[in-house]
Amino acid sequence: WTMGMHTFSAIPDIEPDRAAGIETTATYLGETRTYWYCALVW
């Protein structure tokens, strides 16, 4: 549950994180696949 919550909350940060050179699950998957990742872990 926490994995899904964390990754969902990172979706709004995808562009700022990419601009800052930060790699996260959300920046790696992109917005659409991150939604599917969250749905799967939940």
PDB file of all heavy atoms in Angstrom:
ATOM      1  N   TRP A   1       0.838  -1.206   0.000  1.00  0.00           N
ATOM      2  CA  TRP A   1       0.000   0.000   0.000  1.00  0.00           C
ATOM      3  C   TRP A   1       0.870   1.252   0.000  1.00  0.00           C
ATOM      4  O   TRP A   1       0.611   2.192  -0.761  1.00  0.00           O
ATOM      5  CB  TRP A   1      -0.924  -0.014   1.218  1.00  0.00           C
ATOM      6  CG  TRP A   1      -1.621   1.291   1.446  1.00  0.00           C
ATOM      7  CD1 TRP A   1      -2.694   1.786   0.749  1.00  0.00           C
ATOM      8  CD2 TRP A   1      -1.296   2.284   2.428  1.00  0.00           C
ATOM      9  NE1 TRP A   1      -3.046   3.023   1.248  1.00  0.00           N
ATOM     10  CE2 TRP A   1      -2.205   3.346   2.274  1.00  0.00           C
ATOM     11  CE3 TRP A   1      -0.317   2.369   3.431  1.00  0.00           C
ATOM     12  CZ2 TRP A   1      -2.167   4.490   3.080  1.00  0.00           C
ATOM     13  CZ3 TRP A   1      -0.283   3.491   4.222  1.00  0.00           C
ATOM     14  CH2 TRP A   1      -1.197   4.544   4.055  1.00  0.00           C
ATOM     15  N   THR A   2       1.891   1.278   0.843  1.00  0.00           N
ATOM     16  CA  THR A   2       2.759   2.460   0.900  1.00  0.00           C
ATOM     17  C   THR A   2       3.538   2.641  -0.394  1.00  0.00           C
ATOM     18  O   THR A   2       3.800   3.776  -0.812  1.00  0.00           O
ATOM     19  CB  THR A   2       3.757   2.364   2.072  1.00  0.00           C
ATOM     20  OG1 THR A   2       4.634   1.249   1.876  1.00  0.00           O
ATOM     21  CG2 THR A   2       3.044   2.222   3.404  1.00  0.00           C
ATOM     22  N   MET A   3       3.910   1.548  -1.043  1.00  0.00           N
ATOM     23  CA  MET A   3       4.614   1.654  -2.319  1.00  0.00           C
ATOM     24  C   MET A   3       3.743   2.355  -3.354  1.00  0.00           C
ATOM     25  O   MET A   3       4.214   3.219  -4.107  1.00  0.00           O
ATOM     26  CB  MET A   3       5.016   0.258  -2.807  1.00  0.00           C
ATOM     27  CG  MET A   3       6.132  -0.386  -2.005  1.00  0.00           C
ATOM     28  SD  MET A   3       6.409  -2.139  -2.425  1.00  0.00           S
ATOM     29  CE  MET A   3       6.883  -1.999  -4.160  1.00  0.00           C
ATOM     30  N   GLY A   4       2.474   1.989  -3.378  1.00  0.00           N
ATOM     31  CA  GLY A   4       1.563   2.648  -4.295  1.00  0.00           C
ATOM     32  C   GLY A   4       1.359   4.109  -3.957  1.00  0.00           C
ATOM     33  O   GLY A   4       1.349   4.978  -4.847  1.00  0.00           O
ATOM     34  N   MET A   5       1.207   4.401  -2.666  1.00  0.00           N
ATOM     35  CA  MET A   5       0.998   5.789  -2.257  1.00  0.00           C
ATOM     36  C   MET A   5       2.195   6.647  -2.628  1.00  0.00           C
ATOM     37  O   MET A   5       2.050   7.763  -3.136  1.00  0.00           O
ATOM     38  CB  MET A   5       0.770   5.863  -0.740  1.00  0.00           C
ATOM     39  CG  MET A   5      -0.647   5.544  -0.287  1.00  0.00           C
ATOM     40  SD  MET A   5      -1.918   6.545  -1.104  1.00  0.00           S
ATOM     41  CE  MET A   5      -1.279   8.193  -0.859  1.00  0.00           C
ATOM     42  N   HIS A   6       3.391   6.146  -2.360  1.00  0.00           N
ATOM     43  CA  HIS A   6       4.586   6.925  -2.669  1.00  0.00           C
ATOM     44  C   HIS A   6       4.696   7.204  -4.163  1.00  0.00           C
ATOM     45  O   HIS A   6       4.937   8.336  -4.588  1.00  0.00           O
ATOM     46  CB  HIS A   6       5.842   6.180  -2.208  1.00  0.00           C
ATOM     47  CG  HIS A   6       7.096   6.732  -2.820  1.00  0.00           C
ATOM     48  ND1 HIS A   6       7.624   6.212  -3.989  1.00  0.00           N
ATOM     49  CD2 HIS A   6       7.896   7.765  -2.471  1.00  0.00           C
ATOM     50  CE1 HIS A   6       8.694   6.903  -4.331  1.00  0.00           C
ATOM     51  NE2 HIS A   6       8.888   7.845  -3.416  1.00  0.00           N
ATOM     52  N   THR A   7       4.525   6.176  -4.969  1.00  0.00           N
ATOM     53  CA  THR A   7       4.732   6.337  -6.401  1.00  0.00           C
ATOM     54  C   THR A   7       3.658   7.214  -7.023  1.00  0.00           C
ATOM     55  O   THR A   7       3.942   8.024  -7.912  1.00  0.00           O
ATOM     56  CB  THR A   7       4.780   4.958  -7.088  1.00  0.00           C
ATOM     57  OG1 THR A   7       5.747   4.145  -6.406  1.00  0.00           O
ATOM     58  CG2 THR A   7       5.194   5.098  -8.537  1.00  0.00           C
ATOM     59  N   PHE A   8       2.427   7.084  -6.545  1.00  0.00           N
ATOM     60  CA  PHE A   8       1.370   7.969  -7.052  1.00  0.00           C
ATOM     61  C   PHE A   8       1.685   9.429  -6.720  1.00  0.00           C
ATOM     62  O   PHE A   8       1.503  10.322  -7.545  1.00  0.00           O
ATOM     63  CB  PHE A   8       0.016   7.579  -6.465  1.00  0.00           C
ATOM     64  CG  PHE A   8      -1.128   8.352  -7.059  1.00  0.00           C
ATOM     65  CD1 PHE A   8      -1.774   7.889  -8.184  1.00  0.00           C
ATOM     66  CD2 PHE A   8      -1.533   9.562  -6.505  1.00  0.00           C
ATOM     67  CE1 PHE A   8      -2.823   8.612  -8.747  1.00  0.00           C
ATOM     68  CE2 PHE A   8      -2.564  10.284  -7.057  1.00  0.00           C
ATOM     69  CZ  PHE A   8      -3.216   9.809  -8.187  1.00  0.00           C
ATOM     70  N   SER A   9       2.173   9.667  -5.505  1.00  0.00           N
ATOM     71  CA  SER A   9       2.469  11.044  -5.100  1.00  0.00           C
ATOM     72  C   SER A   9       3.638  11.635  -5.877  1.00  0.00           C
ATOM     73  O   SER A   9       3.814  12.856  -5.897  1.00  0.00           O
ATOM     74  CB  SER A   9       2.774  11.101  -3.598  1.00  0.00           C
ATOM     75  OG  SER A   9       4.014  10.490  -3.303  1.00  0.00           O
ATOM     76  N   ALA A  10       4.442  10.766  -6.514  1.00  0.00           N
ATOM     77  CA  ALA A  10       5.587  11.250  -7.286  1.00  0.00           C
ATOM     78  C   ALA A  10       5.218  11.654  -8.705  1.00  0.00           C
ATOM     79  O   ALA A  10       6.023  12.274  -9.406  1.00  0.00           O
ATOM     80  CB  ALA A  10       6.669  10.165  -7.336  1.00  0.00           C
ATOM     81  N   ILE A  11       4.000  11.337  -9.140  1.00  0.00           N
ATOM     82  CA  ILE A  11       3.602  11.674 -10.510  1.00  0.00           C
ATOM     83  C   ILE A  11       3.636  13.180 -10.765  1.00  0.00           C
ATOM     84  O   ILE A  11       4.167  13.622 -11.794  1.00  0.00           O
ATOM     85  CB  ILE A  11       2.215  11.084 -10.843  1.00  0.00           C
ATOM     86  CG1 ILE A  11       2.270   9.557 -10.804  1.00  0.00           C
ATOM     87  CG2 ILE A  11       1.746  11.556 -12.218  1.00  0.00           C
ATOM     88  CD1 ILE A  11       0.917   8.880 -11.017  1.00  0.00           C
ATOM     89  N   PRO A  12       3.116  14.035  -9.851  1.00  0.00           N
ATOM     90  CA  PRO A  12       3.199  15.482 -10.102  1.00  0.00           C
ATOM     91  C   PRO A  12       4.635  16.005 -10.168  1.00  0.00           C
ATOM     92  O   PRO A  12       4.864  17.101 -10.680  1.00  0.00           O
ATOM     93  CB  PRO A  12       2.448  16.094  -8.911  1.00  0.00           C
ATOM     94  CG  PRO A  12       1.582  15.005  -8.401  1.00  0.00           C
ATOM     95  CD  PRO A  12       2.352  13.748  -8.625  1.00  0.00           C
ATOM     96  N   ASP A  13       5.582  15.232  -9.640  1.00  0.00           N
ATOM     97  CA  ASP A  13       6.973  15.675  -9.597  1.00  0.00           C
ATOM     98  C   ASP A  13       7.801  15.169 -10.778  1.00  0.00           C
ATOM     99  O   ASP A  13       9.016  15.389 -10.813  1.00  0.00           O
ATOM    100  CB  ASP A  13       7.635  15.190  -8.293  1.00  0.00           C
ATOM    101  CG  ASP A  13       7.011  15.807  -7.059  1.00  0.00           C
ATOM    102  OD1 ASP A  13       6.479  16.924  -7.171  1.00  0.00           O
ATOM    103  OD2 ASP A  13       7.053  15.171  -5.996  1.00  0.00           O
ATOM    104  N   ILE A  14       7.172  14.475 -11.724  1.00  0.00           N
ATOM    105  CA  ILE A  14       7.940  13.876 -12.818  1.00  0.00           C
ATOM    106  C   ILE A  14       8.767  14.912 -13.566  1.00  0.00           C
ATOM    107  O   ILE A  14       9.989  14.746 -13.750  1.00  0.00           O
ATOM    108  CB  ILE A  14       7.011  13.117 -13.791  1.00  0.00           C
ATOM    109  CG1 ILE A  14       6.500  11.831 -13.134  1.00  0.00           C
ATOM    110  CG2 ILE A  14       7.752  12.781 -15.091  1.00  0.00           C
ATOM    111  CD1 ILE A  14       5.514  11.051 -13.986  1.00  0.00           C
ATOM    112  N   GLU A  15       8.150  15.973 -14.011  1.00  0.00           N
ATOM    113  CA  GLU A  15       8.890  16.967 -14.798  1.00  0.00           C
ATOM    114  C   GLU A  15       9.927  17.716 -13.966  1.00  0.00           C
ATOM    115  O   GLU A  15      11.074  17.879 -14.411  1.00  0.00           O
ATOM    116  CB  GLU A  15       7.913  17.937 -15.473  1.00  0.00           C
ATOM    117  CG  GLU A  15       7.047  17.270 -16.536  1.00  0.00           C
ATOM    118  CD  GLU A  15       7.867  16.470 -17.551  1.00  0.00           C
ATOM    119  OE1 GLU A  15       8.947  16.949 -17.963  1.00  0.00           O
ATOM    120  OE2 GLU A  15       7.447  15.365 -17.915  1.00  0.00           O
ATOM    121  N   PRO A  16       9.571  18.226 -12.739  1.00  0.00           N
ATOM    122  CA  PRO A  16      10.606  18.861 -11.914  1.00  0.00           C
ATOM    123  C   PRO A  16      11.775  17.931 -11.586  1.00  0.00           C
ATOM    124  O   PRO A  16      12.933  18.361 -11.591  1.00  0.00           O
ATOM    125  CB  PRO A  16       9.854  19.266 -10.637  1.00  0.00           C
ATOM    126  CG  PRO A  16       8.442  19.409 -11.065  1.00  0.00           C
ATOM    127  CD  PRO A  16       8.241  18.364 -12.118  1.00  0.00           C
ATOM    128  N   ASP A  17      11.474  16.647 -11.316  1.00  0.00           N
ATOM    129  CA  ASP A  17      12.549  15.698 -11.011  1.00  0.00           C
ATOM    130  C   ASP A  17      13.432  15.459 -12.233  1.00  0.00           C
ATOM    131  O   ASP A  17      14.668  15.376 -12.123  1.00  0.00           O
ATOM    132  CB  ASP A  17      11.967  14.374 -10.507  1.00  0.00           C
ATOM    133  CG  ASP A  17      11.481  14.453  -9.068  1.00  0.00           C
ATOM    134  OD1 ASP A  17      11.858  15.417  -8.381  1.00  0.00           O
ATOM    135  OD2 ASP A  17      10.725  13.559  -8.643  1.00  0.00           O
ATOM    136  N   ARG A  18      12.827  15.323 -13.390  1.00  0.00           N
ATOM    137  CA  ARG A  18      13.621  15.134 -14.605  1.00  0.00           C
ATOM    138  C   ARG A  18      14.497  16.354 -14.877  1.00  0.00           C
ATOM    139  O   ARG A  18      15.668  16.221 -15.268  1.00  0.00           O
ATOM    140  CB  ARG A  18      12.698  14.866 -15.789  1.00  0.00           C
ATOM    141  CG  ARG A  18      12.137  13.439 -15.826  1.00  0.00           C
ATOM    142  CD  ARG A  18      11.150  13.254 -16.958  1.00  0.00           C
ATOM    143  NE  ARG A  18      10.732  11.855 -17.095  1.00  0.00           N
ATOM    144  CZ  ARG A  18       9.731  11.451 -17.866  1.00  0.00           C
ATOM    145  NH1 ARG A  18       9.020  12.345 -18.564  1.00  0.00           N
ATOM    146  NH2 ARG A  18       9.423  10.161 -17.930  1.00  0.00           N
ATOM    147  N   ALA A  19      13.940  17.530 -14.659  1.00  0.00           N
ATOM    148  CA  ALA A  19      14.713  18.754 -14.883  1.00  0.00           C
ATOM    149  C   ALA A  19      15.900  18.847 -13.936  1.00  0.00           C
ATOM    150  O   ALA A  19      16.950  19.399 -14.291  1.00  0.00           O
ATOM    151  CB  ALA A  19      13.813  19.978 -14.718  1.00  0.00           C
ATOM    152  N   ALA A  20      15.722  18.291 -12.724  1.00  0.00           N
ATOM    153  CA  ALA A  20      16.795  18.332 -11.729  1.00  0.00           C
ATOM    154  C   ALA A  20      17.732  17.135 -11.844  1.00  0.00           C
ATOM    155  O   ALA A  20      18.691  17.021 -11.076  1.00  0.00           O
ATOM    156  CB  ALA A  20      16.201  18.390 -10.328  1.00  0.00           C
ATOM    157  N   GLY A  21      17.453  16.228 -12.783  1.00  0.00           N
ATOM    158  CA  GLY A  21      18.302  15.047 -12.946  1.00  0.00           C
ATOM    159  C   GLY A  21      18.048  13.969 -11.913  1.00  0.00           C
ATOM    160  O   GLY A  21      18.902  13.106 -11.701  1.00  0.00           O
ATOM    161  N   ILE A  22      16.877  13.982 -11.272  1.00  0.00           N
ATOM    162  CA  ILE A  22      16.539  12.997 -10.266  1.00  0.00           C
ATOM    163  C   ILE A  22      15.790  11.836 -10.921  1.00  0.00           C
ATOM    164  O   ILE A  22      14.811  12.040 -11.646  1.00  0.00           O
ATOM    165  CB  ILE A  22      15.655  13.603  -9.163  1.00  0.00           C
ATOM    166  CG1 ILE A  22      16.378  14.750  -8.461  1.00  0.00           C
ATOM    167  CG2 ILE A  22      15.229  12.538  -8.166  1.00  0.00           C
ATOM    168  CD1 ILE A  22      17.609  14.333  -7.708  1.00  0.00           C
ATOM    169  N   GLU A  23      16.252  10.609 -10.661  1.00  0.00           N
ATOM    170  CA  GLU A  23      15.588   9.433 -11.203  1.00  0.00           C
ATOM    171  C   GLU A  23      14.734   8.780 -10.123  1.00  0.00           C
ATOM    172  O   GLU A  23      15.215   8.485  -9.034  1.00  0.00           O
ATOM    173  CB  GLU A  23      16.617   8.431 -11.725  1.00  0.00           C
ATOM    174  CG  GLU A  23      17.376   8.893 -12.952  1.00  0.00           C
ATOM    175  CD  GLU A  23      18.232   7.772 -13.534  1.00  0.00           C
ATOM    176  OE1 GLU A  23      17.675   6.680 -13.786  1.00  0.00           O
ATOM    177  OE2 GLU A  23      19.430   7.988 -13.716  1.00  0.00           O
ATOM    178  N   THR A  24      13.469   8.575 -10.449  1.00  0.00           N
ATOM    179  CA  THR A  24      12.540   7.913  -9.541  1.00  0.00           C
ATOM    180  C   THR A  24      11.767   6.854 -10.320  1.00  0.00           C
ATOM    181  O   THR A  24      11.886   6.753 -11.544  1.00  0.00           O
ATOM    182  CB  THR A  24      11.542   8.921  -8.941  1.00  0.00           C
ATOM    183  OG1 THR A  24      10.679   9.401  -9.994  1.00  0.00           O
ATOM    184  CG2 THR A  24      12.260  10.102  -8.297  1.00  0.00           C
ATOM    185  N   THR A  25      10.967   6.087  -9.604  1.00  0.00           N
ATOM    186  CA  THR A  25      10.115   5.120 -10.287  1.00  0.00           C
ATOM    187  C   THR A  25       9.210   5.826 -11.284  1.00  0.00           C
ATOM    188  O   THR A  25       9.010   5.349 -12.414  1.00  0.00           O
ATOM    189  CB  THR A  25       9.265   4.339  -9.268  1.00  0.00           C
ATOM    190  OG1 THR A  25      10.127   3.690  -8.334  1.00  0.00           O
ATOM    191  CG2 THR A  25       8.398   3.302  -9.953  1.00  0.00           C
ATOM    192  N   ALA A  26       8.675   6.978 -10.879  1.00  0.00           N
ATOM    193  CA  ALA A  26       7.751   7.705 -11.749  1.00  0.00           C
ATOM    194  C   ALA A  26       8.449   8.284 -12.976  1.00  0.00           C
ATOM    195  O   ALA A  26       7.907   8.247 -14.085  1.00  0.00           O
ATOM    196  CB  ALA A  26       7.065   8.811 -10.954  1.00  0.00           C
ATOM    197  N   THR A  27       9.654   8.836 -12.809  1.00  0.00           N
ATOM    198  CA  THR A  27      10.369   9.381 -13.978  1.00  0.00           C
ATOM    199  C   THR A  27      10.801   8.254 -14.913  1.00  0.00           C
ATOM    200  O   THR A  27      10.849   8.430 -16.132  1.00  0.00           O
ATOM    201  CB  THR A  27      11.599  10.195 -13.567  1.00  0.00           C
ATOM    202  OG1 THR A  27      12.545   9.342 -12.893  1.00  0.00           O
ATOM    203  CG2 THR A  27      11.219  11.348 -12.648  1.00  0.00           C
ATOM    204  N   TYR A  28      11.108   7.094 -14.342  1.00  0.00           N
ATOM    205  CA  TYR A  28      11.537   5.963 -15.159  1.00  0.00           C
ATOM    206  C   TYR A  28      10.368   5.397 -15.969  1.00  0.00           C
ATOM    207  O   TYR A  28      10.519   5.081 -17.155  1.00  0.00           O
ATOM    208  CB  TYR A  28      12.121   4.878 -14.255  1.00  0.00           C
ATOM    209  CG  TYR A  28      12.543   3.619 -14.981  1.00  0.00           C
ATOM    210  CD1 TYR A  28      13.758   3.556 -15.661  1.00  0.00           C
ATOM    211  CD2 TYR A  28      11.712   2.491 -14.983  1.00  0.00           C
ATOM    212  CE1 TYR A  28      14.145   2.406 -16.332  1.00  0.00           C
ATOM    213  CE2 TYR A  28      12.098   1.337 -15.652  1.00  0.00           C
ATOM    214  CZ  TYR A  28      13.310   1.303 -16.324  1.00  0.00           C
ATOM    215  OH  TYR A  28      13.683   0.166 -16.996  1.00  0.00           O
ATOM    216  N   LEU A  29       9.202   5.261 -15.343  1.00  0.00           N
ATOM    217  CA  LEU A  29       8.063   4.657 -16.015  1.00  0.00           C
ATOM    218  C   LEU A  29       7.290   5.642 -16.883  1.00  0.00           C
ATOM    219  O   LEU A  29       6.672   5.243 -17.872  1.00  0.00           O
ATOM    220  CB  LEU A  29       7.112   4.045 -14.976  1.00  0.00           C
ATOM    221  CG  LEU A  29       7.642   2.857 -14.171  1.00  0.00           C
ATOM    222  CD1 LEU A  29       6.620   2.443 -13.110  1.00  0.00           C
ATOM    223  CD2 LEU A  29       7.964   1.680 -15.077  1.00  0.00           C
ATOM    224  N   GLY A  30       7.299   6.918 -16.499  1.00  0.00           N
ATOM    225  CA  GLY A  30       6.440   7.884 -17.168  1.00  0.00           C
ATOM    226  C   GLY A  30       5.043   7.867 -16.554  1.00  0.00           C
ATOM    227  O   GLY A  30       4.672   6.922 -15.837  1.00  0.00           O
ATOM    228  N   GLU A  31       4.245   8.884 -16.837  1.00  0.00           N
ATOM    229  CA  GLU A  31       2.975   9.039 -16.139  1.00  0.00           C
ATOM    230  C   GLU A  31       2.027   7.867 -16.350  1.00  0.00           C
ATOM    231  O   GLU A  31       1.478   7.316 -15.396  1.00  0.00           O
ATOM    232  CB  GLU A  31       2.293  10.343 -16.580  1.00  0.00           C
ATOM    233  CG  GLU A  31       0.990  10.609 -15.830  1.00  0.00           C
ATOM    234  CD  GLU A  31       0.422  11.987 -16.099  1.00  0.00           C
ATOM    235  OE1 GLU A  31       1.197  12.881 -16.493  1.00  0.00           O
ATOM    236  OE2 GLU A  31      -0.791  12.158 -15.912  1.00  0.00           O
ATOM    237  N   THR A  32       1.816   7.455 -17.599  1.00  0.00           N
ATOM    238  CA  THR A  32       0.829   6.404 -17.870  1.00  0.00           C
ATOM    239  C   THR A  32       1.198   5.090 -17.208  1.00  0.00           C
ATOM    240  O   THR A  32       0.380   4.447 -16.525  1.00  0.00           O
ATOM    241  CB  THR A  32       0.678   6.196 -19.386  1.00  0.00           C
ATOM    242  OG1 THR A  32       0.232   7.410 -19.990  1.00  0.00           O
ATOM    243  CG2 THR A  32      -0.343   5.095 -19.670  1.00  0.00           C
ATOM    244  N   ARG A  33       2.438   4.645 -17.396  1.00  0.00           N
ATOM    245  CA  ARG A  33       2.853   3.371 -16.793  1.00  0.00           C
ATOM    246  C   ARG A  33       2.928   3.454 -15.272  1.00  0.00           C
ATOM    247  O   ARG A  33       2.768   2.432 -14.588  1.00  0.00           O
ATOM    248  CB  ARG A  33       4.192   2.932 -17.378  1.00  0.00           C
ATOM    249  CG  ARG A  33       4.083   2.417 -18.812  1.00  0.00           C
ATOM    250  CD  ARG A  33       5.367   1.778 -19.286  1.00  0.00           C
ATOM    251  NE  ARG A  33       6.464   2.745 -19.385  1.00  0.00           N
ATOM    252  CZ  ARG A  33       7.705   2.430 -19.734  1.00  0.00           C
ATOM    253  NH1 ARG A  33       8.018   1.157 -19.992  1.00  0.00           N
ATOM    254  NH2 ARG A  33       8.636   3.359 -19.819  1.00  0.00           N
ATOM    255  N   THR A  34       3.152   4.658 -14.739  1.00  0.00           N
ATOM    256  CA  THR A  34       3.158   4.804 -13.283  1.00  0.00           C
ATOM    257  C   THR A  34       1.772   4.569 -12.716  1.00  0.00           C
ATOM    258  O   THR A  34       1.611   3.967 -11.647  1.00  0.00           O
ATOM    259  CB  THR A  34       3.673   6.190 -12.877  1.00  0.00           C
ATOM    260  OG1 THR A  34       5.011   6.359 -13.352  1.00  0.00           O
ATOM    261  CG2 THR A  34       3.678   6.350 -11.363  1.00  0.00           C
ATOM    262  N   TYR A  35       0.741   5.047 -13.425  1.00  0.00           N
ATOM    263  CA  TYR A  35      -0.628   4.747 -12.999  1.00  0.00           C
ATOM    264  C   TYR A  35      -0.851   3.233 -12.904  1.00  0.00           C
ATOM    265  O   TYR A  35      -1.418   2.728 -11.936  1.00  0.00           O
ATOM    266  CB  TYR A  35      -1.634   5.340 -13.987  1.00  0.00           C
ATOM    267  CG  TYR A  35      -1.913   6.812 -13.808  1.00  0.00           C
ATOM    268  CD1 TYR A  35      -1.756   7.704 -14.867  1.00  0.00           C
ATOM    269  CD2 TYR A  35      -2.369   7.319 -12.592  1.00  0.00           C
ATOM    270  CE1 TYR A  35      -2.029   9.058 -14.723  1.00  0.00           C
ATOM    271  CE2 TYR A  35      -2.638   8.665 -12.438  1.00  0.00           C
ATOM    272  CZ  TYR A  35      -2.472   9.535 -13.508  1.00  0.00           C
ATOM    273  OH  TYR A  35      -2.739  10.862 -13.360  1.00  0.00           O
ATOM    274  N   TRP A  36      -0.396   2.499 -13.927  1.00  0.00           N
ATOM    275  CA  TRP A  36      -0.572   1.051 -13.942  1.00  0.00           C
ATOM    276  C   TRP A  36       0.233   0.385 -12.827  1.00  0.00           C
ATOM    277  O   TRP A  36      -0.213  -0.594 -12.212  1.00  0.00           O
ATOM    278  CB  TRP A  36      -0.167   0.479 -15.303  1.00  0.00           C
ATOM    279  CG  TRP A  36      -1.167   0.784 -16.375  1.00  0.00           C
ATOM    280  CD1 TRP A  36      -1.009   1.616 -17.440  1.00  0.00           C
ATOM    281  CD2 TRP A  36      -2.502   0.264 -16.476  1.00  0.00           C
ATOM    282  NE1 TRP A  36      -2.153   1.651 -18.204  1.00  0.00           N
ATOM    283  CE2 TRP A  36      -3.082   0.826 -17.638  1.00  0.00           C
ATOM    284  CE3 TRP A  36      -3.250  -0.628 -15.710  1.00  0.00           C
ATOM    285  CZ2 TRP A  36      -4.383   0.529 -18.045  1.00  0.00           C
ATOM    286  CZ3 TRP A  36      -4.550  -0.925 -16.110  1.00  0.00           C
ATOM    287  CH2 TRP A  36      -5.094  -0.357 -17.260  1.00  0.00           C
ATOM    288  N   TYR A  37       1.431   0.893 -12.569  1.00  0.00           N
ATOM    289  CA  TYR A  37       2.252   0.365 -11.482  1.00  0.00           C
ATOM    290  C   TYR A  37       1.523   0.518 -10.148  1.00  0.00           C
ATOM    291  O   TYR A  37       1.459  -0.424  -9.342  1.00  0.00           O
ATOM    292  CB  TYR A  37       3.589   1.102 -11.446  1.00  0.00           C
ATOM    293  CG  TYR A  37       4.467   0.759 -10.255  1.00  0.00           C
ATOM    294  CD1 TYR A  37       5.307  -0.349 -10.277  1.00  0.00           C
ATOM    295  CD2 TYR A  37       4.454   1.554  -9.107  1.00  0.00           C
ATOM    296  CE1 TYR A  37       6.106  -0.665  -9.195  1.00  0.00           C
ATOM    297  CE2 TYR A  37       5.246   1.252  -8.014  1.00  0.00           C
ATOM    298  CZ  TYR A  37       6.074   0.143  -8.053  1.00  0.00           C
ATOM    299  OH  TYR A  37       6.857  -0.165  -6.970  1.00  0.00           O
ATOM    300  N   CYS A  38       0.967   1.711  -9.909  1.00  0.00           N
ATOM    301  CA  CYS A  38       0.246   1.960  -8.657  1.00  0.00           C
ATOM    302  C   CYS A  38      -0.962   1.042  -8.532  1.00  0.00           C
ATOM    303  O   CYS A  38      -1.216   0.460  -7.463  1.00  0.00           O
ATOM    304  CB  CYS A  38      -0.196   3.422  -8.586  1.00  0.00           C
ATOM    305  SG  CYS A  38       1.151   4.609  -8.447  1.00  0.00           S
ATOM    306  N   ALA A  39      -1.715   0.903  -9.628  1.00  0.00           N
ATOM    307  CA  ALA A  39      -2.885   0.030  -9.592  1.00  0.00           C
ATOM    308  C   ALA A  39      -2.481  -1.409  -9.277  1.00  0.00           C
ATOM    309  O   ALA A  39      -3.164  -2.108  -8.509  1.00  0.00           O
ATOM    310  CB  ALA A  39      -3.621   0.097 -10.929  1.00  0.00           C
ATOM    311  N   LEU A  40      -1.352  -1.863  -9.845  1.00  0.00           N
ATOM    312  CA  LEU A  40      -0.895  -3.231  -9.627  1.00  0.00           C
ATOM    313  C   LEU A  40      -0.505  -3.468  -8.176  1.00  0.00           C
ATOM    314  O   LEU A  40      -0.946  -4.458  -7.558  1.00  0.00           O
ATOM    315  CB  LEU A  40       0.293  -3.544 -10.542  1.00  0.00           C
ATOM    316  CG  LEU A  40       0.958  -4.908 -10.317  1.00  0.00           C
ATOM    317  CD1 LEU A  40      -0.032  -6.040 -10.577  1.00  0.00           C
ATOM    318  CD2 LEU A  40       2.196  -5.053 -11.200  1.00  0.00           C
ATOM    319  N   VAL A  41       0.319  -2.592  -7.609  1.00  0.00           N
ATOM    320  CA  VAL A  41       0.763  -2.833  -6.228  1.00  0.00           C
ATOM    321  C   VAL A  41      -0.396  -2.686  -5.253  1.00  0.00           C
ATOM    322  O   VAL A  41      -0.458  -3.400  -4.239  1.00  0.00           O
ATOM    323  CB  VAL A  41       1.951  -1.922  -5.828  1.00  0.00           C
ATOM    324  CG1 VAL A  41       3.186  -2.251  -6.635  1.00  0.00           C
ATOM    325  CG2 VAL A  41       1.604  -0.448  -5.939  1.00  0.00           C
ATOM    326  N   TRP A  42      -1.340  -1.808  -5.557  1.00  0.00           N
ATOM    327  CA  TRP A  42      -2.521  -1.691  -4.690  1.00  0.00           C
ATOM    328  C   TRP A  42      -3.412  -2.919  -4.800  1.00  0.00           C
ATOM    329  O   TRP A  42      -4.012  -3.347  -3.815  1.00  0.00           O
ATOM    330  CB  TRP A  42      -3.287  -0.416  -5.015  1.00  0.00           C
ATOM    331  CG  TRP A  42      -2.735   0.785  -4.303  1.00  0.00           C
ATOM    332  CD1 TRP A  42      -2.113   0.811  -3.091  1.00  0.00           C
ATOM    333  CD2 TRP A  42      -2.756   2.136  -4.750  1.00  0.00           C
ATOM    334  NE1 TRP A  42      -1.749   2.096  -2.749  1.00  0.00           N
ATOM    335  CE2 TRP A  42      -2.138   2.929  -3.755  1.00  0.00           C
ATOM    336  CE3 TRP A  42      -3.234   2.765  -5.898  1.00  0.00           C
ATOM    337  CZ2 TRP A  42      -1.994   4.314  -3.867  1.00  0.00           C
ATOM    338  CZ3 TRP A  42      -3.103   4.142  -6.011  1.00  0.00           C
ATOM    339  CH2 TRP A  42      -2.484   4.905  -5.010  1.00  0.00           C
TER     340      TRP A  42
END
